[in-house]
Amino acid sequence: SAKSVTLMRSDHLEVMRLMLPAGKRIPEHRAPGEITVQCLEGSLKFGTDAAVQTMHAGDLLFATPGQAHWLEALEDASVLVTLYLPQGH
């Protein structure tokens, strides 16, 4: 029953906790800056045009600015996303 929430946001950094129920998919999108995605609980798929990786609790991935990516929860998952916000975003 936990909700996704922005934990903090400053001029250049945003940290979010995403709660993804099993089967939930976040469609392909792009971030304006570098991001890290860390699976805290559960498991999910993280996909880019280059590869699809299965993530489990403790796994951490990095995506470059503008890299298209998507997420899909294989089971209920909690994910910590850290996003660098370039100037003007």
N, C-alpha and C. Protein backbone atom coordinates (compact mmCIF):
# COMPACT_ATOMS: atom_id res chain seq x y z
N SER A 1 0.82 -1.21 0.00
CA SER A 1 0.00 0.00 0.00
C SER A 1 0.86 1.26 0.00
N ALA A 2 2.19 1.11 0.04
CA ALA A 2 3.08 2.28 0.01
C ALA A 2 2.99 2.95 -1.37
N LYS A 3 3.18 4.25 -1.39
CA LYS A 3 3.06 5.04 -2.61
C LYS A 3 4.44 5.47 -3.10
N SER A 4 4.53 5.71 -4.41
CA SER A 4 5.74 6.31 -4.96
C SER A 4 5.83 7.73 -4.45
N VAL A 5 7.06 8.18 -4.17
CA VAL A 5 7.22 9.51 -3.58
C VAL A 5 8.58 10.10 -3.96
N THR A 6 8.62 11.42 -4.15
CA THR A 6 9.89 12.12 -4.29
C THR A 6 10.43 12.35 -2.89
N LEU A 7 11.62 11.80 -2.62
CA LEU A 7 12.22 11.91 -1.30
C LEU A 7 12.92 13.24 -1.10
N MET A 8 13.53 13.75 -2.17
CA MET A 8 14.16 15.08 -2.12
C MET A 8 14.37 15.58 -3.52
N ARG A 9 14.38 16.91 -3.64
CA ARG A 9 14.65 17.54 -4.92
C ARG A 9 15.38 18.85 -4.65
N SER A 10 16.46 19.05 -5.41
CA SER A 10 17.19 20.31 -5.35
C SER A 10 17.33 20.81 -6.78
N ASP A 11 18.13 21.84 -6.98
CA ASP A 11 18.30 22.39 -8.33
C ASP A 11 18.86 21.36 -9.31
N HIS A 12 19.69 20.42 -8.82
CA HIS A 12 20.37 19.51 -9.73
C HIS A 12 20.21 18.03 -9.39
N LEU A 13 19.38 17.71 -8.41
CA LEU A 13 19.27 16.32 -8.01
C LEU A 13 17.85 16.01 -7.56
N GLU A 14 17.33 14.85 -7.99
CA GLU A 14 16.04 14.38 -7.53
C GLU A 14 16.17 12.92 -7.14
N VAL A 15 15.64 12.56 -5.99
CA VAL A 15 15.68 11.19 -5.50
C VAL A 15 14.23 10.75 -5.28
N MET A 16 13.84 9.65 -5.92
CA MET A 16 12.46 9.15 -5.85
C MET A 16 12.46 7.68 -5.42
N ARG A 17 11.43 7.32 -4.66
CA ARG A 17 11.19 5.91 -4.37
C ARG A 17 9.94 5.52 -5.16
N LEU A 18 10.11 4.58 -6.08
CA LEU A 18 8.99 4.09 -6.88
C LEU A 18 8.51 2.77 -6.32
N MET A 19 7.22 2.65 -6.15
CA MET A 19 6.61 1.40 -5.73
C MET A 19 5.89 0.82 -6.95
N LEU A 20 6.33 -0.34 -7.39
CA LEU A 20 5.77 -0.95 -8.59
C LEU A 20 5.13 -2.29 -8.25
N PRO A 21 3.82 -2.41 -8.34
CA PRO A 21 3.19 -3.71 -8.11
C PRO A 21 3.54 -4.67 -9.26
N ALA A 22 3.51 -5.95 -8.98
CA ALA A 22 3.83 -6.96 -9.99
C ALA A 22 3.03 -6.69 -11.27
N GLY A 23 3.72 -6.73 -12.42
CA GLY A 23 3.08 -6.50 -13.71
C GLY A 23 3.04 -5.05 -14.16
N LYS A 24 3.30 -4.11 -13.26
CA LYS A 24 3.30 -2.69 -13.61
C LYS A 24 4.47 -2.38 -14.53
N ARG A 25 4.20 -1.64 -15.59
CA ARG A 25 5.24 -1.27 -16.55
C ARG A 25 5.28 0.25 -16.66
N ILE A 26 6.48 0.79 -16.60
CA ILE A 26 6.69 2.21 -16.89
C ILE A 26 7.21 2.25 -18.32
N PRO A 27 6.42 2.82 -19.24
CA PRO A 27 6.79 2.80 -20.66
C PRO A 27 8.13 3.48 -20.92
N GLU A 28 8.67 3.20 -22.09
CA GLU A 28 9.96 3.78 -22.48
C GLU A 28 9.91 5.31 -22.37
N HIS A 29 10.95 5.86 -21.79
CA HIS A 29 11.09 7.30 -21.64
C HIS A 29 12.58 7.64 -21.57
N ARG A 30 12.88 8.92 -21.52
CA ARG A 30 14.26 9.39 -21.45
C ARG A 30 14.37 10.40 -20.31
N ALA A 31 15.50 10.39 -19.63
CA ALA A 31 15.77 11.37 -18.58
C ALA A 31 16.75 12.41 -19.12
N PRO A 32 16.62 13.66 -18.69
CA PRO A 32 17.50 14.70 -19.21
C PRO A 32 18.94 14.60 -18.71
N GLY A 33 19.15 13.87 -17.61
CA GLY A 33 20.49 13.73 -17.04
C GLY A 33 20.79 12.29 -16.70
N GLU A 34 21.95 12.07 -16.11
CA GLU A 34 22.34 10.73 -15.68
C GLU A 34 21.40 10.24 -14.58
N ILE A 35 21.15 8.93 -14.54
CA ILE A 35 20.32 8.36 -13.49
C ILE A 35 20.95 7.08 -12.95
N THR A 36 20.64 6.80 -11.70
CA THR A 36 20.90 5.48 -11.14
C THR A 36 19.56 4.90 -10.75
N VAL A 37 19.44 3.58 -10.90
CA VAL A 37 18.23 2.85 -10.53
C VAL A 37 18.69 1.71 -9.63
N GLN A 38 18.21 1.70 -8.38
CA GLN A 38 18.57 0.64 -7.45
C GLN A 38 17.31 -0.08 -7.00
N CYS A 39 17.31 -1.39 -7.19
CA CYS A 39 16.20 -2.22 -6.72
C CYS A 39 16.39 -2.43 -5.22
N LEU A 40 15.40 -2.00 -4.43
CA LEU A 40 15.46 -2.16 -2.98
C LEU A 40 14.78 -3.45 -2.53
N GLU A 41 13.66 -3.77 -3.16
CA GLU A 41 12.88 -4.96 -2.82
C GLU A 41 12.27 -5.51 -4.09
N GLY A 42 12.03 -6.83 -4.10
CA GLY A 42 11.36 -7.46 -5.24
C GLY A 42 12.30 -7.65 -6.42
N SER A 43 11.71 -7.72 -7.61
CA SER A 43 12.50 -7.86 -8.83
C SER A 43 11.78 -7.18 -9.98
N LEU A 44 12.57 -6.73 -10.96
CA LEU A 44 12.03 -6.04 -12.12
C LEU A 44 12.96 -6.19 -13.30
N LYS A 45 12.44 -5.85 -14.46
CA LYS A 45 13.26 -5.77 -15.67
C LYS A 45 13.51 -4.31 -15.96
N PHE A 46 14.75 -4.02 -16.36
CA PHE A 46 15.16 -2.68 -16.78
C PHE A 46 15.64 -2.84 -18.21
N GLY A 47 14.99 -2.17 -19.15
CA GLY A 47 15.32 -2.34 -20.55
C GLY A 47 15.79 -1.07 -21.22
N THR A 48 16.74 -1.23 -22.13
CA THR A 48 17.21 -0.16 -23.01
C THR A 48 17.22 -0.73 -24.42
N ASP A 49 17.59 0.09 -25.39
CA ASP A 49 17.69 -0.42 -26.75
C ASP A 49 18.85 -1.41 -26.89
N ALA A 50 19.77 -1.40 -25.93
CA ALA A 50 20.94 -2.28 -26.01
C ALA A 50 20.74 -3.61 -25.28
N ALA A 51 19.96 -3.62 -24.19
CA ALA A 51 19.84 -4.84 -23.38
C ALA A 51 18.65 -4.75 -22.44
N VAL A 52 18.23 -5.91 -21.95
CA VAL A 52 17.23 -6.01 -20.89
C VAL A 52 17.89 -6.76 -19.74
N GLN A 53 17.84 -6.16 -18.55
CA GLN A 53 18.46 -6.79 -17.39
C GLN A 53 17.41 -7.02 -16.32
N THR A 54 17.50 -8.16 -15.66
CA THR A 54 16.65 -8.43 -14.51
C THR A 54 17.37 -7.93 -13.26
N MET A 55 16.66 -7.16 -12.45
CA MET A 55 17.23 -6.60 -11.23
C MET A 55 16.56 -7.23 -10.02
N HIS A 56 17.37 -7.48 -8.99
CA HIS A 56 16.89 -8.00 -7.71
C HIS A 56 17.35 -7.05 -6.62
N ALA A 57 16.84 -7.23 -5.41
CA ALA A 57 17.20 -6.35 -4.28
C ALA A 57 18.72 -6.19 -4.19
N GLY A 58 19.16 -4.93 -4.16
CA GLY A 58 20.58 -4.62 -4.05
C GLY A 58 21.25 -4.28 -5.37
N ASP A 59 20.62 -4.65 -6.50
CA ASP A 59 21.21 -4.35 -7.81
C ASP A 59 21.08 -2.87 -8.13
N LEU A 60 22.10 -2.33 -8.79
CA LEU A 60 22.15 -0.91 -9.15
C LEU A 60 22.57 -0.79 -10.61
N LEU A 61 21.84 0.03 -11.36
CA LEU A 61 22.18 0.30 -12.77
C LEU A 61 22.33 1.80 -12.99
N PHE A 62 23.04 2.13 -14.04
CA PHE A 62 23.31 3.52 -14.42
C PHE A 62 22.84 3.72 -15.85
N ALA A 63 22.19 4.85 -16.12
CA ALA A 63 21.80 5.20 -17.49
C ALA A 63 22.34 6.59 -17.82
N THR A 64 22.78 6.75 -19.04
CA THR A 64 23.34 8.02 -19.50
C THR A 64 22.23 9.00 -19.88
N PRO A 65 22.52 10.28 -19.94
CA PRO A 65 21.51 11.27 -20.31
C PRO A 65 20.89 10.95 -21.66
N GLY A 66 19.57 11.01 -21.72
CA GLY A 66 18.86 10.79 -22.96
C GLY A 66 18.70 9.35 -23.39
N GLN A 67 19.25 8.40 -22.62
CA GLN A 67 19.14 6.99 -22.98
C GLN A 67 17.71 6.50 -22.74
N ALA A 68 17.08 5.99 -23.78
CA ALA A 68 15.72 5.47 -23.65
C ALA A 68 15.75 4.22 -22.78
N HIS A 69 14.80 4.13 -21.84
CA HIS A 69 14.73 2.98 -20.95
C HIS A 69 13.31 2.78 -20.46
N TRP A 70 13.02 1.59 -19.95
CA TRP A 70 11.71 1.25 -19.39
C TRP A 70 11.90 0.29 -18.23
N LEU A 71 10.86 0.16 -17.41
CA LEU A 71 10.88 -0.72 -16.24
C LEU A 71 9.62 -1.57 -16.24
N GLU A 72 9.74 -2.81 -15.75
CA GLU A 72 8.58 -3.66 -15.57
C GLU A 72 8.79 -4.52 -14.33
N ALA A 73 7.85 -4.44 -13.37
CA ALA A 73 7.96 -5.21 -12.14
C ALA A 73 7.60 -6.67 -12.39
N LEU A 74 8.50 -7.58 -12.05
CA LEU A 74 8.24 -9.01 -12.15
C LEU A 74 7.46 -9.48 -10.92
N GLU A 75 7.72 -8.82 -9.80
CA GLU A 75 6.97 -9.02 -8.56
C GLU A 75 6.91 -7.65 -7.90
N ASP A 76 6.13 -7.50 -6.86
CA ASP A 76 6.07 -6.20 -6.18
C ASP A 76 7.50 -5.71 -5.92
N ALA A 77 7.78 -4.48 -6.31
CA ALA A 77 9.15 -3.98 -6.22
C ALA A 77 9.17 -2.55 -5.68
N SER A 78 10.24 -2.24 -4.98
CA SER A 78 10.55 -0.90 -4.51
C SER A 78 11.87 -0.50 -5.16
N VAL A 79 11.91 0.68 -5.77
CA VAL A 79 13.06 1.11 -6.56
C VAL A 79 13.46 2.53 -6.14
N LEU A 80 14.75 2.74 -5.95
CA LEU A 80 15.28 4.07 -5.64
C LEU A 80 15.90 4.63 -6.91
N VAL A 81 15.37 5.75 -7.38
CA VAL A 81 15.87 6.40 -8.60
C VAL A 81 16.51 7.73 -8.22
N THR A 82 17.75 7.92 -8.64
CA THR A 82 18.45 9.18 -8.43
C THR A 82 18.71 9.79 -9.79
N LEU A 83 18.26 11.02 -9.97
CA LEU A 83 18.32 11.69 -11.27
C LEU A 83 19.10 12.99 -11.13
N TYR A 84 20.14 13.12 -11.96
CA TYR A 84 20.87 14.39 -12.05
C TYR A 84 20.08 15.30 -12.97
N LEU A 85 19.79 16.51 -12.54
CA LEU A 85 19.03 17.47 -13.32
C LEU A 85 19.97 18.53 -13.89
N PRO A 86 20.23 18.48 -15.20
CA PRO A 86 21.11 19.49 -15.79
C PRO A 86 20.49 20.88 -15.65
N GLN A 87 21.30 21.88 -15.84
CA GLN A 87 20.85 23.26 -15.75
C GLN A 87 19.61 23.46 -16.63
N GLY A 88 18.60 24.10 -16.08
CA GLY A 88 17.41 24.44 -16.87
C GLY A 88 16.33 23.38 -16.88
N HIS A 89 16.46 22.28 -16.14
CA HIS A 89 15.41 21.24 -16.14
C HIS A 89 14.71 21.20 -14.82
